[in-house]
Amino acid sequence: MTIKPFQAQFSLALLSTAAAAVVAYLAVEAFKKLYMVSSEVLAPVAEEAGQALSDVTAALNGNERIQATAGGFYLNSKYVANDGTLSNMFTESIKAMHPDNAGLLLQIAPYGKLLDKYRYLIDDAVNQAAIDSGQ
């Protein structure tokens, strides 16, 4: 009877395959978690590096930043996080557009976070008249 040794070999092969599958699954999950953590940690660094590269490239190509003729800007919701935090790239761009914009941002979002009483300005024009009107 050669069936019993065959069954033992089959069971051993099945067991080793199952163990390899579990190890592979755990390895994939570990790498996925490592990727997620590193993405969260590196995102701010990548944003700053991208902005610096953009500035250098623009300077080398002779491009200048857009300058507005009057203070004011559009507060796009894609640059406002759920907790009211404004994107650093957005705030720096808006400040560079016109000297008065820094003061407007300071009124509505001190410390880079939009005050609740100014949430009505999201997806709307922001200027001194809009701030003073209260909506």
C-alpha atoms as a PDB file:
ATOM      1  CA  MET A   1       0.000   0.000   0.000  1.00  0.00           C
ATOM      2  CA  THR A   2       1.665   3.153  -1.217  1.00  0.00           C
ATOM      3  CA  ILE A   3      -1.332   5.392  -0.581  1.00  0.00           C
ATOM      4  CA  LYS A   4      -0.442   6.262   3.018  1.00  0.00           C
ATOM      5  CA  PRO A   5       3.032   7.635   2.244  1.00  0.00           C
ATOM      6  CA  PHE A   6       1.477   9.600  -0.633  1.00  0.00           C
ATOM      7  CA  GLN A   7      -1.129  11.084   1.736  1.00  0.00           C
ATOM      8  CA  ALA A   8       1.595  12.033   4.194  1.00  0.00           C
ATOM      9  CA  GLN A   9       3.567  13.732   1.429  1.00  0.00           C
ATOM     10  CA  PHE A  10       0.424  15.462   0.180  1.00  0.00           C
ATOM     11  CA  SER A  11      -0.375  16.735   3.670  1.00  0.00           C
ATOM     12  CA  LEU A  12       3.176  17.998   4.145  1.00  0.00           C
ATOM     13  CA  ALA A  13       3.070  19.792   0.771  1.00  0.00           C
ATOM     14  CA  LEU A  14      -0.311  21.296   1.607  1.00  0.00           C
ATOM     15  CA  LEU A  15       0.920  22.433   5.013  1.00  0.00           C
ATOM     16  CA  SER A  16       4.068  24.061   3.591  1.00  0.00           C
ATOM     17  CA  THR A  17       2.028  25.796   0.856  1.00  0.00           C
ATOM     18  CA  ALA A  18      -0.427  27.144   3.420  1.00  0.00           C
ATOM     19  CA  ALA A  19       2.440  28.380   5.603  1.00  0.00           C
ATOM     20  CA  ALA A  20       4.044  30.116   2.606  1.00  0.00           C
ATOM     21  CA  ALA A  21       0.723  31.772   1.779  1.00  0.00           C
ATOM     22  CA  VAL A  22       0.334  33.072   5.339  1.00  0.00           C
ATOM     23  CA  VAL A  23       3.906  34.406   5.344  1.00  0.00           C
ATOM     24  CA  ALA A  24       3.340  36.101   1.967  1.00  0.00           C
ATOM     25  CA  TYR A  25       0.084  37.681   3.195  1.00  0.00           C
ATOM     26  CA  LEU A  26       1.762  38.999   6.348  1.00  0.00           C
ATOM     27  CA  ALA A  27       4.659  40.395   4.304  1.00  0.00           C
ATOM     28  CA  VAL A  28       2.269  42.219   1.957  1.00  0.00           C
ATOM     29  CA  GLU A  29       0.343  43.699   4.911  1.00  0.00           C
ATOM     30  CA  ALA A  30       3.589  44.830   6.571  1.00  0.00           C
ATOM     31  CA  PHE A  31       4.808  46.518   3.378  1.00  0.00           C
ATOM     32  CA  LYS A  32       1.392  48.139   2.885  1.00  0.00           C
ATOM     33  CA  LYS A  33       1.484  49.598   6.396  1.00  0.00           C
ATOM     34  CA  LEU A  34       5.075  50.775   5.914  1.00  0.00           C
ATOM     35  CA  TYR A  35       4.052  52.482   2.643  1.00  0.00           C
ATOM     36  CA  MET A  36       1.080  54.240   4.283  1.00  0.00           C
ATOM     37  CA  VAL A  37       3.166  55.513   7.205  1.00  0.00           C
ATOM     38  CA  SER A  38       6.016  56.692   4.972  1.00  0.00           C
ATOM     39  CA  SER A  39       3.541  58.450   2.640  1.00  0.00           C
ATOM     40  CA  GLU A  40       2.037  60.404   5.541  1.00  0.00           C
ATOM     41  CA  VAL A  41       5.454  61.342   6.885  1.00  0.00           C
ATOM     42  CA  LEU A  42       6.949  62.306   3.517  1.00  0.00           C
ATOM     43  CA  ALA A  43       3.957  64.227   2.083  1.00  0.00           C
ATOM     44  CA  PRO A  44       4.855  67.601   3.678  1.00  0.00           C
ATOM     45  CA  VAL A  45       8.503  67.194   2.667  1.00  0.00           C
ATOM     46  CA  ALA A  46       7.505  66.334  -0.899  1.00  0.00           C
ATOM     47  CA  GLU A  47       5.190  69.371  -1.089  1.00  0.00           C
ATOM     48  CA  GLU A  48       7.974  71.712   0.030  1.00  0.00           C
ATOM     49  CA  ALA A  49      10.504  70.096  -2.325  1.00  0.00           C
ATOM     50  CA  GLY A  50       8.059  70.364  -5.218  1.00  0.00           C
ATOM     51  CA  GLN A  51       7.452  74.033  -4.487  1.00  0.00           C
ATOM     52  CA  ALA A  52      11.184  74.733  -4.302  1.00  0.00           C
ATOM     53  CA  LEU A  53      11.775  72.918  -7.595  1.00  0.00           C
ATOM     54  CA  SER A  54       8.930  74.879  -9.189  1.00  0.00           C
ATOM     55  CA  ASP A  55      10.417  78.167  -7.975  1.00  0.00           C
ATOM     56  CA  VAL A  56      13.881  77.299  -9.298  1.00  0.00           C
ATOM     57  CA  THR A  57      12.505  76.168 -12.663  1.00  0.00           C
ATOM     58  CA  ALA A  58      10.401  79.319 -12.976  1.00  0.00           C
ATOM     59  CA  ALA A  59      13.371  81.528 -12.138  1.00  0.00           C
ATOM     60  CA  LEU A  60      15.596  79.770 -14.686  1.00  0.00           C
ATOM     61  CA  ASN A  61      12.930  80.149 -17.372  1.00  0.00           C
ATOM     62  CA  GLY A  62      12.447  83.837 -16.629  1.00  0.00           C
ATOM     63  CA  ASN A  63       8.894  83.424 -15.339  1.00  0.00           C
ATOM     64  CA  GLU A  64       7.596  85.783 -12.714  1.00  0.00           C
ATOM     65  CA  ARG A  65       4.823  85.261 -10.193  1.00  0.00           C
ATOM     66  CA  ILE A  66       1.380  86.592 -11.054  1.00  0.00           C
ATOM     67  CA  GLN A  67       0.647  89.855  -9.284  1.00  0.00           C
ATOM     68  CA  ALA A  68      -2.917  90.997  -8.639  1.00  0.00           C
ATOM     69  CA  THR A  69      -3.883  94.655  -8.953  1.00  0.00           C
ATOM     70  CA  ALA A  70      -5.995  94.580  -5.773  1.00  0.00           C
ATOM     71  CA  GLY A  71      -6.116  92.553  -2.573  1.00  0.00           C
ATOM     72  CA  GLY A  72      -8.509  89.620  -2.541  1.00  0.00           C
ATOM     73  CA  PHE A  73      -8.689  86.013  -3.646  1.00  0.00           C
ATOM     74  CA  TYR A  74     -10.989  83.029  -4.138  1.00  0.00           C
ATOM     75  CA  LEU A  75     -11.005  80.578  -1.211  1.00  0.00           C
ATOM     76  CA  ASN A  76     -11.268  77.249  -3.005  1.00  0.00           C
ATOM     77  CA  SER A  77     -12.544  74.407  -0.818  1.00  0.00           C
ATOM     78  CA  LYS A  78      -9.895  72.020  -2.141  1.00  0.00           C
ATOM     79  CA  TYR A  79      -7.288  74.013  -0.194  1.00  0.00           C
ATOM     80  CA  VAL A  80      -9.228  73.931   3.087  1.00  0.00           C
ATOM     81  CA  ALA A  81      -9.030  70.752   5.198  1.00  0.00           C
ATOM     82  CA  ASN A  82     -12.037  69.504   7.172  1.00  0.00           C
ATOM     83  CA  ASP A  83     -10.660  71.081  10.341  1.00  0.00           C
ATOM     84  CA  GLY A  84     -10.217  74.449   8.582  1.00  0.00           C
ATOM     85  CA  THR A  85      -6.471  74.219   8.054  1.00  0.00           C
ATOM     86  CA  LEU A  86      -5.374  75.989   4.869  1.00  0.00           C
ATOM     87  CA  SER A  87      -2.871  74.413   2.496  1.00  0.00           C
ATOM     88  CA  ASN A  88       0.589  75.930   2.971  1.00  0.00           C
ATOM     89  CA  MET A  89       1.100  76.077  -0.793  1.00  0.00           C
ATOM     90  CA  PHE A  90      -2.214  77.964  -1.175  1.00  0.00           C
ATOM     91  CA  THR A  91      -1.486  80.516   1.535  1.00  0.00           C
ATOM     92  CA  GLU A  92       2.017  81.224   0.215  1.00  0.00           C
ATOM     93  CA  SER A  93       0.683  81.673  -3.333  1.00  0.00           C
ATOM     94  CA  ILE A  94      -2.090  83.998  -2.177  1.00  0.00           C
ATOM     95  CA  LYS A  95       0.339  86.095  -0.118  1.00  0.00           C
ATOM     96  CA  ALA A  96       2.639  86.415  -3.134  1.00  0.00           C
ATOM     97  CA  MET A  97      -0.205  87.631  -5.382  1.00  0.00           C
ATOM     98  CA  HIS A  98      -0.774  90.925  -3.552  1.00  0.00           C
ATOM     99  CA  PRO A  99       0.609  92.526  -0.372  1.00  0.00           C
ATOM    100  CA  ASP A 100      -2.890  93.019   1.104  1.00  0.00           C
ATOM    101  CA  ASN A 101      -3.656  89.297   0.953  1.00  0.00           C
ATOM    102  CA  ALA A 102      -1.417  88.512   3.916  1.00  0.00           C
ATOM    103  CA  GLY A 103      -3.585  90.748   6.086  1.00  0.00           C
ATOM    104  CA  LEU A 104      -6.795  89.179   4.778  1.00  0.00           C
ATOM    105  CA  LEU A 105      -5.472  85.694   5.529  1.00  0.00           C
ATOM    106  CA  LEU A 106      -4.420  86.788   8.994  1.00  0.00           C
ATOM    107  CA  GLN A 107      -7.964  88.016   9.707  1.00  0.00           C
ATOM    108  CA  ILE A 108      -9.781  84.884   8.541  1.00  0.00           C
ATOM    109  CA  ALA A 109      -7.194  82.220   9.320  1.00  0.00           C
ATOM    110  CA  PRO A 110      -4.755  83.153  12.083  1.00  0.00           C
ATOM    111  CA  TYR A 111      -2.191  80.405  12.577  1.00  0.00           C
ATOM    112  CA  GLY A 112      -3.215  78.927   9.186  1.00  0.00           C
ATOM    113  CA  LYS A 113      -6.622  77.676  10.354  1.00  0.00           C
ATOM    114  CA  LEU A 114      -9.860  79.205   9.082  1.00  0.00           C
ATOM    115  CA  LEU A 115     -11.965  80.602  11.894  1.00  0.00           C
ATOM    116  CA  ASP A 116     -15.447  79.062  12.092  1.00  0.00           C
ATOM    117  CA  LYS A 117     -17.138  82.443  11.707  1.00  0.00           C
ATOM    118  CA  TYR A 118     -15.527  82.768   8.241  1.00  0.00           C
ATOM    119  CA  ARG A 119     -16.482  79.336   6.875  1.00  0.00           C
ATOM    120  CA  TYR A 120     -19.068  81.064   4.687  1.00  0.00           C
ATOM    121  CA  LEU A 121     -16.154  82.376   2.597  1.00  0.00           C
ATOM    122  CA  ILE A 122     -15.241  78.876   1.373  1.00  0.00           C
ATOM    123  CA  ASP A 123     -15.756  78.690  -2.400  1.00  0.00           C
ATOM    124  CA  ASP A 124     -16.315  82.428  -2.546  1.00  0.00           C
ATOM    125  CA  ALA A 125     -14.388  85.662  -3.042  1.00  0.00           C
ATOM    126  CA  VAL A 126     -12.436  86.918  -0.048  1.00  0.00           C
ATOM    127  CA  ASN A 127     -11.803  90.647   0.253  1.00  0.00           C
ATOM    128  CA  GLN A 128     -12.216  93.195   3.019  1.00  0.00           C
ATOM    129  CA  ALA A 129     -15.836  93.917   2.049  1.00  0.00           C
ATOM    130  CA  ALA A 130     -16.755  90.212   2.172  1.00  0.00           C
ATOM    131  CA  ILE A 131     -15.101  89.829   5.579  1.00  0.00           C
ATOM    132  CA  ASP A 132     -16.797  92.935   6.961  1.00  0.00           C
ATOM    133  CA  SER A 133     -20.223  91.941   5.640  1.00  0.00           C
ATOM    134  CA  GLY A 134     -20.281  88.709   7.636  1.00  0.00           C
ATOM    135  CA  GLN A 135     -21.849  86.996   4.606  1.00  0.00           C
END
